[in-house]
Amino acid sequence: MAWFGIRTVYLFGVKANDINVFEERVICIEAADSDEAHEKAKLEAEKYALANGFERYPIQIAYEQDGTSLVDGYEVWSELFESKLSLSEFWVMRYESYEYKPE
């Protein structure tokens, strides 16, 4: 059986100033193939969303692991992006522009 990192995005909540807060969550799933991994991850995500009162975005993205056992430092997720932004500008746009700051 293979391991998959599955990313799901949730609407975590809405701040008093009407700014949405999203959670990007990656979990590990062991499955025979990507279809089984997606189905298991969908069920887990639905339970997680229900338990926390979150709205789940219906599309999940999977990343099949290379087959090595999960150990300390093991890569769980890797995704490539294209942009004309510099590394610093990309970081700010992707992570800091929408960073959650509790009230």
N, C-alpha and C. Protein backbone atom coordinates (compact mmCIF):
# COMPACT_ATOMS: atom_id res chain seq x y z
N MET A 1 0.85 -1.18 0.00
CA MET A 1 0.00 0.00 0.00
C MET A 1 0.90 1.24 0.00
N ALA A 2 0.41 2.26 -0.64
CA ALA A 2 1.15 3.52 -0.76
C ALA A 2 0.66 4.54 0.26
N TRP A 3 1.47 5.55 0.50
CA TRP A 3 1.09 6.68 1.35
C TRP A 3 0.84 7.89 0.47
N PHE A 4 -0.17 8.67 0.84
CA PHE A 4 -0.53 9.88 0.11
C PHE A 4 -0.65 11.03 1.09
N GLY A 5 -0.14 12.19 0.72
CA GLY A 5 -0.44 13.43 1.43
C GLY A 5 -1.65 14.03 0.74
N ILE A 6 -2.69 14.33 1.49
CA ILE A 6 -3.92 14.88 0.92
C ILE A 6 -4.15 16.26 1.53
N ARG A 7 -4.29 17.26 0.65
CA ARG A 7 -4.54 18.63 1.12
C ARG A 7 -6.01 18.98 0.93
N THR A 8 -6.58 19.52 2.00
CA THR A 8 -7.95 20.01 1.97
C THR A 8 -7.95 21.43 2.51
N VAL A 9 -8.79 22.27 1.95
CA VAL A 9 -8.93 23.66 2.40
C VAL A 9 -10.32 23.82 3.01
N TYR A 10 -10.36 24.51 4.14
CA TYR A 10 -11.60 24.72 4.89
C TYR A 10 -11.83 26.21 5.12
N LEU A 11 -13.09 26.57 5.18
CA LEU A 11 -13.46 27.89 5.69
C LEU A 11 -13.50 27.73 7.20
N PHE A 12 -12.50 28.25 7.86
CA PHE A 12 -12.28 28.11 9.30
C PHE A 12 -13.24 28.99 10.08
N GLY A 13 -13.53 30.18 9.55
CA GLY A 13 -14.41 31.11 10.22
C GLY A 13 -14.37 32.47 9.55
N VAL A 14 -15.10 33.40 10.13
CA VAL A 14 -15.15 34.76 9.62
C VAL A 14 -14.88 35.70 10.79
N LYS A 15 -13.94 36.61 10.60
CA LYS A 15 -13.61 37.57 11.65
C LYS A 15 -14.68 38.65 11.74
N ALA A 16 -14.63 39.42 12.80
CA ALA A 16 -15.62 40.49 13.03
C ALA A 16 -15.64 41.51 11.89
N ASN A 17 -14.52 41.67 11.19
CA ASN A 17 -14.45 42.62 10.08
C ASN A 17 -14.83 41.98 8.74
N ASP A 18 -15.49 40.82 8.79
CA ASP A 18 -15.96 40.07 7.63
C ASP A 18 -14.84 39.48 6.76
N ILE A 19 -13.64 39.33 7.33
CA ILE A 19 -12.53 38.68 6.63
C ILE A 19 -12.63 37.17 6.89
N ASN A 20 -12.62 36.39 5.80
CA ASN A 20 -12.66 34.94 5.94
C ASN A 20 -11.31 34.40 6.41
N VAL A 21 -11.35 33.35 7.22
CA VAL A 21 -10.16 32.66 7.68
C VAL A 21 -10.23 31.24 7.12
N PHE A 22 -9.16 30.81 6.42
CA PHE A 22 -9.12 29.50 5.80
C PHE A 22 -8.04 28.65 6.45
N GLU A 23 -8.27 27.37 6.50
CA GLU A 23 -7.26 26.42 6.96
C GLU A 23 -6.87 25.54 5.78
N GLU A 24 -5.57 25.45 5.51
CA GLU A 24 -5.03 24.53 4.53
C GLU A 24 -4.41 23.39 5.34
N ARG A 25 -4.96 22.17 5.20
CA ARG A 25 -4.57 21.06 6.06
C ARG A 25 -4.12 19.88 5.21
N VAL A 26 -2.98 19.29 5.57
CA VAL A 26 -2.45 18.12 4.87
C VAL A 26 -2.40 16.96 5.85
N ILE A 27 -3.00 15.83 5.45
CA ILE A 27 -2.94 14.62 6.27
C ILE A 27 -2.32 13.49 5.45
N CYS A 28 -1.82 12.47 6.13
CA CYS A 28 -1.28 11.28 5.47
C CYS A 28 -2.34 10.19 5.46
N ILE A 29 -2.48 9.54 4.32
CA ILE A 29 -3.45 8.46 4.15
C ILE A 29 -2.71 7.27 3.52
N GLU A 30 -2.92 6.09 4.07
CA GLU A 30 -2.38 4.88 3.46
C GLU A 30 -3.50 4.24 2.65
N ALA A 31 -3.23 3.95 1.37
CA ALA A 31 -4.26 3.41 0.49
C ALA A 31 -3.63 2.63 -0.65
N ALA A 32 -4.45 1.79 -1.28
CA ALA A 32 -3.98 0.98 -2.41
C ALA A 32 -3.74 1.82 -3.65
N ASP A 33 -4.53 2.90 -3.82
CA ASP A 33 -4.38 3.75 -4.99
C ASP A 33 -4.95 5.14 -4.68
N SER A 34 -4.83 6.07 -5.63
CA SER A 34 -5.27 7.44 -5.37
C SER A 34 -6.78 7.53 -5.18
N ASP A 35 -7.55 6.69 -5.86
CA ASP A 35 -9.01 6.73 -5.67
C ASP A 35 -9.38 6.39 -4.23
N GLU A 36 -8.77 5.34 -3.71
CA GLU A 36 -9.03 4.96 -2.31
C GLU A 36 -8.54 6.04 -1.35
N ALA A 37 -7.38 6.62 -1.64
CA ALA A 37 -6.85 7.69 -0.79
C ALA A 37 -7.80 8.87 -0.75
N HIS A 38 -8.30 9.28 -1.92
CA HIS A 38 -9.24 10.41 -1.96
C HIS A 38 -10.52 10.10 -1.19
N GLU A 39 -11.03 8.87 -1.33
CA GLU A 39 -12.26 8.51 -0.63
C GLU A 39 -12.04 8.52 0.89
N LYS A 40 -10.93 7.94 1.35
CA LYS A 40 -10.63 7.95 2.78
C LYS A 40 -10.44 9.37 3.28
N ALA A 41 -9.73 10.19 2.51
CA ALA A 41 -9.48 11.58 2.91
C ALA A 41 -10.77 12.39 2.92
N LYS A 42 -11.65 12.13 1.97
CA LYS A 42 -12.94 12.84 1.93
C LYS A 42 -13.74 12.54 3.19
N LEU A 43 -13.81 11.28 3.59
CA LEU A 43 -14.54 10.92 4.80
C LEU A 43 -13.93 11.57 6.03
N GLU A 44 -12.59 11.55 6.12
CA GLU A 44 -11.90 12.17 7.26
C GLU A 44 -12.16 13.67 7.26
N ALA A 45 -12.11 14.31 6.09
CA ALA A 45 -12.31 15.76 5.99
C ALA A 45 -13.74 16.15 6.36
N GLU A 46 -14.70 15.34 5.95
CA GLU A 46 -16.09 15.61 6.31
C GLU A 46 -16.30 15.54 7.82
N LYS A 47 -15.69 14.52 8.46
CA LYS A 47 -15.78 14.40 9.93
C LYS A 47 -15.11 15.59 10.61
N TYR A 48 -13.92 15.96 10.12
CA TYR A 48 -13.17 17.08 10.69
C TYR A 48 -13.97 18.37 10.57
N ALA A 49 -14.54 18.61 9.39
CA ALA A 49 -15.33 19.83 9.17
C ALA A 49 -16.56 19.84 10.07
N LEU A 50 -17.25 18.73 10.15
CA LEU A 50 -18.46 18.65 10.99
C LEU A 50 -18.12 18.86 12.46
N ALA A 51 -17.06 18.23 12.92
CA ALA A 51 -16.67 18.33 14.34
C ALA A 51 -16.28 19.76 14.72
N ASN A 52 -15.78 20.53 13.74
CA ASN A 52 -15.30 21.88 14.04
C ASN A 52 -16.18 22.99 13.51
N GLY A 53 -17.26 22.64 12.83
CA GLY A 53 -18.15 23.65 12.27
C GLY A 53 -17.55 24.39 11.09
N PHE A 54 -16.68 23.72 10.32
CA PHE A 54 -16.02 24.33 9.17
C PHE A 54 -16.75 23.96 7.89
N GLU A 55 -16.54 24.77 6.87
CA GLU A 55 -17.00 24.43 5.53
C GLU A 55 -15.81 23.89 4.76
N ARG A 56 -15.99 22.74 4.10
CA ARG A 56 -14.91 22.08 3.37
C ARG A 56 -15.03 22.40 1.89
N TYR A 57 -13.93 22.84 1.28
CA TYR A 57 -13.92 23.01 -0.17
C TYR A 57 -13.90 21.60 -0.77
N PRO A 58 -14.74 21.31 -1.76
CA PRO A 58 -14.93 19.93 -2.20
C PRO A 58 -13.76 19.30 -2.95
N ILE A 59 -12.82 20.08 -3.45
CA ILE A 59 -11.70 19.51 -4.20
C ILE A 59 -10.52 19.30 -3.26
N GLN A 60 -9.97 18.08 -3.28
CA GLN A 60 -8.78 17.76 -2.51
C GLN A 60 -7.67 17.45 -3.50
N ILE A 61 -6.44 17.74 -3.12
CA ILE A 61 -5.30 17.44 -3.97
C ILE A 61 -4.43 16.41 -3.26
N ALA A 62 -4.02 15.38 -4.01
CA ALA A 62 -3.22 14.31 -3.43
C ALA A 62 -1.80 14.34 -3.97
N TYR A 63 -0.89 13.90 -3.15
CA TYR A 63 0.53 13.77 -3.51
C TYR A 63 0.96 12.39 -3.07
N GLU A 64 1.27 11.51 -4.02
CA GLU A 64 1.68 10.15 -3.66
C GLU A 64 3.13 10.17 -3.19
N GLN A 65 3.35 9.58 -2.03
CA GLN A 65 4.69 9.51 -1.46
C GLN A 65 5.54 8.52 -2.25
N ASP A 66 6.85 8.57 -2.07
CA ASP A 66 7.76 7.77 -2.89
C ASP A 66 7.90 6.33 -2.43
N GLY A 67 7.21 5.91 -1.40
CA GLY A 67 7.27 4.53 -0.96
C GLY A 67 8.17 4.29 0.23
N THR A 68 9.03 5.23 0.56
CA THR A 68 9.87 5.10 1.73
C THR A 68 9.02 5.17 2.99
N SER A 69 9.39 4.44 4.01
CA SER A 69 8.64 4.49 5.27
C SER A 69 8.63 5.90 5.82
N LEU A 70 7.55 6.24 6.50
CA LEU A 70 7.46 7.55 7.13
C LEU A 70 8.41 7.60 8.32
N VAL A 71 9.36 8.53 8.26
CA VAL A 71 10.37 8.69 9.30
C VAL A 71 10.54 10.18 9.55
N ASP A 72 11.27 10.53 10.60
CA ASP A 72 11.54 11.92 10.93
C ASP A 72 12.16 12.63 9.74
N GLY A 73 11.59 13.74 9.34
CA GLY A 73 12.09 14.52 8.22
C GLY A 73 11.52 14.09 6.88
N TYR A 74 10.61 13.13 6.88
CA TYR A 74 10.02 12.62 5.64
C TYR A 74 9.20 13.70 4.95
N GLU A 75 9.36 13.86 3.65
CA GLU A 75 8.59 14.85 2.89
C GLU A 75 7.15 14.38 2.74
N VAL A 76 6.22 15.16 3.27
CA VAL A 76 4.80 14.81 3.20
C VAL A 76 4.11 15.52 2.04
N TRP A 77 4.57 16.70 1.68
CA TRP A 77 3.92 17.46 0.63
C TRP A 77 4.94 18.24 -0.16
N SER A 78 4.76 18.27 -1.49
CA SER A 78 5.59 19.09 -2.35
C SER A 78 4.72 19.56 -3.50
N GLU A 79 4.71 20.85 -3.76
CA GLU A 79 3.92 21.41 -4.86
C GLU A 79 4.73 22.51 -5.52
N LEU A 80 4.70 22.56 -6.84
CA LEU A 80 5.45 23.56 -7.59
C LEU A 80 4.52 24.66 -8.08
N PHE A 81 5.00 25.88 -8.10
CA PHE A 81 4.24 27.04 -8.58
C PHE A 81 5.08 27.79 -9.60
N GLU A 82 4.41 28.48 -10.52
CA GLU A 82 5.09 29.36 -11.47
C GLU A 82 4.70 30.79 -11.16
N SER A 83 5.67 31.70 -11.22
CA SER A 83 5.38 33.10 -10.95
C SER A 83 6.55 33.95 -11.41
N LYS A 84 6.29 35.17 -11.77
CA LYS A 84 7.37 36.12 -12.07
C LYS A 84 7.81 36.85 -10.81
N LEU A 85 7.17 36.56 -9.68
CA LEU A 85 7.54 37.18 -8.41
C LEU A 85 8.88 36.65 -7.94
N SER A 86 9.60 37.46 -7.16
CA SER A 86 10.82 36.97 -6.52
C SER A 86 10.42 36.01 -5.40
N LEU A 87 11.38 35.28 -4.86
CA LEU A 87 11.09 34.36 -3.77
C LEU A 87 10.43 35.09 -2.60
N SER A 88 10.97 36.24 -2.22
CA SER A 88 10.40 37.02 -1.11
C SER A 88 8.98 37.49 -1.42
N GLU A 89 8.77 37.97 -2.64
CA GLU A 89 7.44 38.45 -3.03
C GLU A 89 6.44 37.30 -3.06
N PHE A 90 6.88 36.14 -3.55
CA PHE A 90 6.00 34.97 -3.58
C PHE A 90 5.60 34.57 -2.17
N TRP A 91 6.57 34.53 -1.26
CA TRP A 91 6.29 34.17 0.13
C TRP A 91 5.22 35.10 0.71
N VAL A 92 5.41 36.39 0.52
CA VAL A 92 4.46 37.38 1.06
C VAL A 92 3.08 37.16 0.44
N MET A 93 3.01 37.00 -0.87
CA MET A 93 1.73 36.82 -1.55
C MET A 93 1.03 35.53 -1.09
N ARG A 94 1.76 34.44 -1.01
CA ARG A 94 1.16 33.13 -0.70
C ARG A 94 0.84 32.97 0.78
N TYR A 95 1.68 33.47 1.66
CA TYR A 95 1.54 33.17 3.07
C TYR A 95 1.24 34.38 3.95
N GLU A 96 1.87 35.51 3.72
CA GLU A 96 1.67 36.63 4.62
C GLU A 96 0.46 37.48 4.25
N SER A 97 0.13 37.56 2.97
CA SER A 97 -1.00 38.41 2.56
C SER A 97 -2.30 37.96 3.19
N TYR A 98 -2.40 36.67 3.48
CA TYR A 98 -3.65 36.13 4.00
C TYR A 98 -3.46 35.49 5.38
N GLU A 99 -2.38 35.84 6.04
CA GLU A 99 -2.09 35.26 7.36
C GLU A 99 -3.18 35.60 8.36
N TYR A 100 -3.59 34.61 9.10
CA TYR A 100 -4.65 34.78 10.12
C TYR A 100 -4.06 35.44 11.36
N LYS A 101 -4.68 36.52 11.77
CA LYS A 101 -4.28 37.23 12.97
C LYS A 101 -5.51 37.30 13.87
N PRO A 102 -5.56 36.46 14.92
CA PRO A 102 -6.74 36.46 15.80
C PRO A 102 -7.03 37.83 16.38
N GLU A 103 -8.29 38.07 16.58
CA GLU A 103 -8.71 39.37 17.14
C GLU A 103 -8.50 39.40 18.64
